[in-house]
N, C-alpha and C. Protein backbone atom coordinates (compact mmCIF):
# COMPACT_ATOMS: atom_id res chain seq x y z
N MET A 1 0.81 -1.20 0.00
CA MET A 1 0.00 0.00 0.00
C MET A 1 0.85 1.26 0.00
N GLY A 2 1.97 1.27 0.67
CA GLY A 2 2.79 2.46 0.75
C GLY A 2 3.65 2.70 -0.48
N ASN A 3 3.66 1.79 -1.46
CA ASN A 3 4.52 1.91 -2.64
C ASN A 3 3.91 2.71 -3.77
N GLU A 4 2.65 3.08 -3.70
CA GLU A 4 2.00 3.71 -4.84
C GLU A 4 2.74 4.94 -5.34
N SER A 5 3.24 5.76 -4.46
CA SER A 5 3.91 6.98 -4.90
C SER A 5 5.21 6.68 -5.64
N SER A 6 5.86 5.58 -5.33
CA SER A 6 7.10 5.24 -6.03
C SER A 6 6.83 4.65 -7.41
N GLN A 7 5.58 4.29 -7.71
CA GLN A 7 5.24 3.71 -8.99
C GLN A 7 4.62 4.72 -9.95
N LYS A 8 4.54 5.98 -9.58
CA LYS A 8 3.95 6.99 -10.45
C LYS A 8 4.84 7.22 -11.66
N GLN A 9 4.20 7.35 -12.80
CA GLN A 9 4.93 7.69 -14.02
C GLN A 9 4.54 9.10 -14.43
N THR A 10 5.48 9.81 -14.98
CA THR A 10 5.17 11.14 -15.50
C THR A 10 5.43 11.13 -16.99
N ALA A 11 4.71 11.97 -17.70
CA ALA A 11 4.87 12.09 -19.14
C ALA A 11 5.20 13.54 -19.47
N ALA A 12 6.11 13.71 -20.39
CA ALA A 12 6.46 15.06 -20.85
C ALA A 12 5.69 15.36 -22.13
N ILE A 13 5.24 16.58 -22.26
CA ILE A 13 4.59 17.01 -23.49
C ILE A 13 5.69 17.35 -24.49
N ILE A 14 5.78 16.58 -25.55
CA ILE A 14 6.80 16.78 -26.58
C ILE A 14 6.34 17.84 -27.57
N ALA A 15 5.07 17.77 -27.97
CA ALA A 15 4.56 18.71 -28.98
C ALA A 15 3.06 18.89 -28.82
N ALA A 16 2.58 20.01 -29.33
CA ALA A 16 1.15 20.29 -29.43
C ALA A 16 0.88 20.66 -30.88
N VAL A 17 -0.15 20.06 -31.47
CA VAL A 17 -0.52 20.37 -32.85
C VAL A 17 -1.88 21.04 -32.80
N THR A 18 -1.92 22.28 -33.25
CA THR A 18 -3.10 23.13 -33.10
C THR A 18 -3.63 23.57 -34.46
N LEU A 19 -4.75 24.26 -34.41
CA LEU A 19 -5.30 24.96 -35.57
C LEU A 19 -5.22 26.45 -35.29
N SER A 20 -5.45 27.26 -36.30
CA SER A 20 -5.28 28.71 -36.15
C SER A 20 -6.23 29.32 -35.11
N ASN A 21 -7.36 28.68 -34.85
CA ASN A 21 -8.30 29.23 -33.87
C ASN A 21 -7.91 28.93 -32.42
N HIS A 22 -6.89 28.09 -32.21
CA HIS A 22 -6.43 27.79 -30.86
C HIS A 22 -5.45 28.86 -30.40
N LYS A 23 -5.60 29.27 -29.17
CA LYS A 23 -4.70 30.27 -28.59
C LYS A 23 -3.77 29.58 -27.61
N ILE A 24 -2.48 29.64 -27.87
CA ILE A 24 -1.47 29.05 -27.00
C ILE A 24 -0.73 30.19 -26.31
N LEU A 25 -0.88 30.29 -25.00
CA LEU A 25 -0.22 31.36 -24.26
C LEU A 25 1.24 31.03 -23.96
N SER A 26 1.49 29.79 -23.58
CA SER A 26 2.85 29.37 -23.27
C SER A 26 2.92 27.87 -23.48
N ALA A 27 3.97 27.42 -24.14
CA ALA A 27 4.12 25.99 -24.40
C ALA A 27 5.27 25.39 -23.62
N GLY A 28 5.93 26.19 -22.81
CA GLY A 28 7.07 25.67 -22.07
C GLY A 28 8.13 25.18 -23.03
N GLU A 29 8.56 23.94 -22.87
CA GLU A 29 9.58 23.38 -23.75
C GLU A 29 8.99 22.59 -24.90
N ALA A 30 7.67 22.50 -24.99
CA ALA A 30 7.03 21.72 -26.05
C ALA A 30 7.10 22.46 -27.39
N PHE A 31 7.19 21.68 -28.43
CA PHE A 31 7.19 22.18 -29.80
C PHE A 31 5.73 22.37 -30.21
N VAL A 32 5.37 23.52 -30.76
CA VAL A 32 3.99 23.80 -31.16
C VAL A 32 3.93 23.99 -32.67
N LEU A 33 3.05 23.23 -33.31
CA LEU A 33 2.82 23.36 -34.74
C LEU A 33 1.39 23.82 -34.97
N GLU A 34 1.20 24.69 -35.94
CA GLU A 34 -0.15 25.11 -36.32
C GLU A 34 -0.46 24.54 -37.70
N ALA A 35 -1.44 23.67 -37.76
CA ALA A 35 -1.85 23.05 -39.02
C ALA A 35 -2.87 23.93 -39.73
N LYS A 36 -2.97 23.77 -41.06
CA LYS A 36 -3.90 24.59 -41.82
C LYS A 36 -5.34 24.10 -41.71
N ASP A 37 -5.53 22.79 -41.44
CA ASP A 37 -6.87 22.23 -41.28
C ASP A 37 -6.79 20.96 -40.44
N GLU A 38 -7.96 20.37 -40.15
CA GLU A 38 -7.99 19.19 -39.27
C GLU A 38 -7.27 17.99 -39.88
N GLU A 39 -7.35 17.84 -41.20
CA GLU A 39 -6.68 16.72 -41.86
C GLU A 39 -5.16 16.82 -41.68
N GLU A 40 -4.62 18.01 -41.91
CA GLU A 40 -3.18 18.21 -41.73
C GLU A 40 -2.81 18.06 -40.25
N GLN A 41 -3.68 18.51 -39.36
CA GLN A 41 -3.43 18.40 -37.92
C GLN A 41 -3.26 16.93 -37.52
N GLN A 42 -4.16 16.09 -37.99
CA GLN A 42 -4.08 14.66 -37.67
C GLN A 42 -2.84 14.02 -38.28
N LYS A 43 -2.53 14.38 -39.52
CA LYS A 43 -1.36 13.81 -40.20
C LYS A 43 -0.07 14.20 -39.49
N LEU A 44 0.09 15.47 -39.17
CA LEU A 44 1.29 15.93 -38.47
C LEU A 44 1.42 15.26 -37.11
N THR A 45 0.30 15.16 -36.40
CA THR A 45 0.31 14.53 -35.08
C THR A 45 0.84 13.11 -35.15
N LEU A 46 0.31 12.33 -36.09
CA LEU A 46 0.73 10.93 -36.21
C LEU A 46 2.19 10.81 -36.66
N GLU A 47 2.62 11.68 -37.57
CA GLU A 47 4.02 11.63 -38.02
C GLU A 47 4.99 11.93 -36.88
N ILE A 48 4.68 12.95 -36.09
CA ILE A 48 5.56 13.31 -34.98
C ILE A 48 5.56 12.22 -33.92
N ALA A 49 4.37 11.72 -33.57
CA ALA A 49 4.27 10.67 -32.55
C ALA A 49 5.05 9.43 -32.97
N LYS A 50 4.96 9.07 -34.23
CA LYS A 50 5.69 7.90 -34.72
C LYS A 50 7.19 8.14 -34.64
N THR A 51 7.62 9.33 -35.00
CA THR A 51 9.05 9.66 -35.00
C THR A 51 9.65 9.60 -33.60
N VAL A 52 8.94 10.14 -32.61
CA VAL A 52 9.47 10.17 -31.24
C VAL A 52 9.00 9.00 -30.39
N LYS A 53 8.22 8.10 -31.01
CA LYS A 53 7.64 6.96 -30.30
C LYS A 53 6.84 7.44 -29.09
N GLY A 54 5.98 8.44 -29.34
CA GLY A 54 5.18 9.03 -28.27
C GLY A 54 3.73 8.61 -28.35
N ASP A 55 3.00 8.95 -27.32
CA ASP A 55 1.56 8.70 -27.24
C ASP A 55 0.81 9.97 -27.61
N VAL A 56 -0.37 9.80 -28.18
CA VAL A 56 -1.18 10.94 -28.62
C VAL A 56 -2.46 11.00 -27.79
N THR A 57 -2.82 12.22 -27.41
CA THR A 57 -4.11 12.45 -26.79
C THR A 57 -4.71 13.70 -27.42
N GLN A 58 -6.04 13.69 -27.58
CA GLN A 58 -6.73 14.86 -28.11
C GLN A 58 -7.53 15.49 -26.99
N LEU A 59 -7.32 16.76 -26.77
CA LEU A 59 -8.06 17.49 -25.75
C LEU A 59 -9.46 17.81 -26.25
N SER A 60 -10.35 18.15 -25.34
CA SER A 60 -11.73 18.44 -25.71
C SER A 60 -11.85 19.65 -26.64
N ASN A 61 -10.84 20.52 -26.67
CA ASN A 61 -10.88 21.68 -27.55
C ASN A 61 -10.26 21.39 -28.92
N GLY A 62 -9.83 20.15 -29.16
CA GLY A 62 -9.31 19.76 -30.46
C GLY A 62 -7.80 19.77 -30.59
N ILE A 63 -7.09 20.28 -29.60
CA ILE A 63 -5.63 20.29 -29.65
C ILE A 63 -5.11 18.88 -29.40
N TYR A 64 -4.14 18.46 -30.22
CA TYR A 64 -3.49 17.17 -30.03
C TYR A 64 -2.19 17.37 -29.26
N LEU A 65 -1.95 16.52 -28.28
CA LEU A 65 -0.69 16.53 -27.54
C LEU A 65 0.04 15.23 -27.81
N ILE A 66 1.35 15.33 -27.97
CA ILE A 66 2.19 14.15 -28.10
C ILE A 66 2.99 14.05 -26.81
N LEU A 67 2.83 12.92 -26.13
CA LEU A 67 3.43 12.71 -24.81
C LEU A 67 4.47 11.61 -24.88
N LYS A 68 5.48 11.73 -24.06
CA LYS A 68 6.53 10.72 -23.97
C LYS A 68 6.77 10.40 -22.50
N SER A 69 6.65 9.12 -22.15
CA SER A 69 6.87 8.70 -20.76
C SER A 69 8.33 8.54 -20.47
C-alpha cells in the first residue's frame, strides 16, 4: 500500500498540434505546430508521434498533444 507513490509515471509534453483558432499562451519546452486544417493536424500529429515513439491524446478543444513517458 505504501509503494503507490514510487510507482507513479510522469509524461512530458513533446509537442502540441493546433489549428489557427487555438490560442497558446505558453508551451514551455514543447514544440507547437499550427496546421492549416484538421486533416493536416491529424497527419502531423501521427508523423511526430511515430518519429518520437510518443503517445497521442486529443483534448476536448481539439488540440493534439504528443506525450513521452
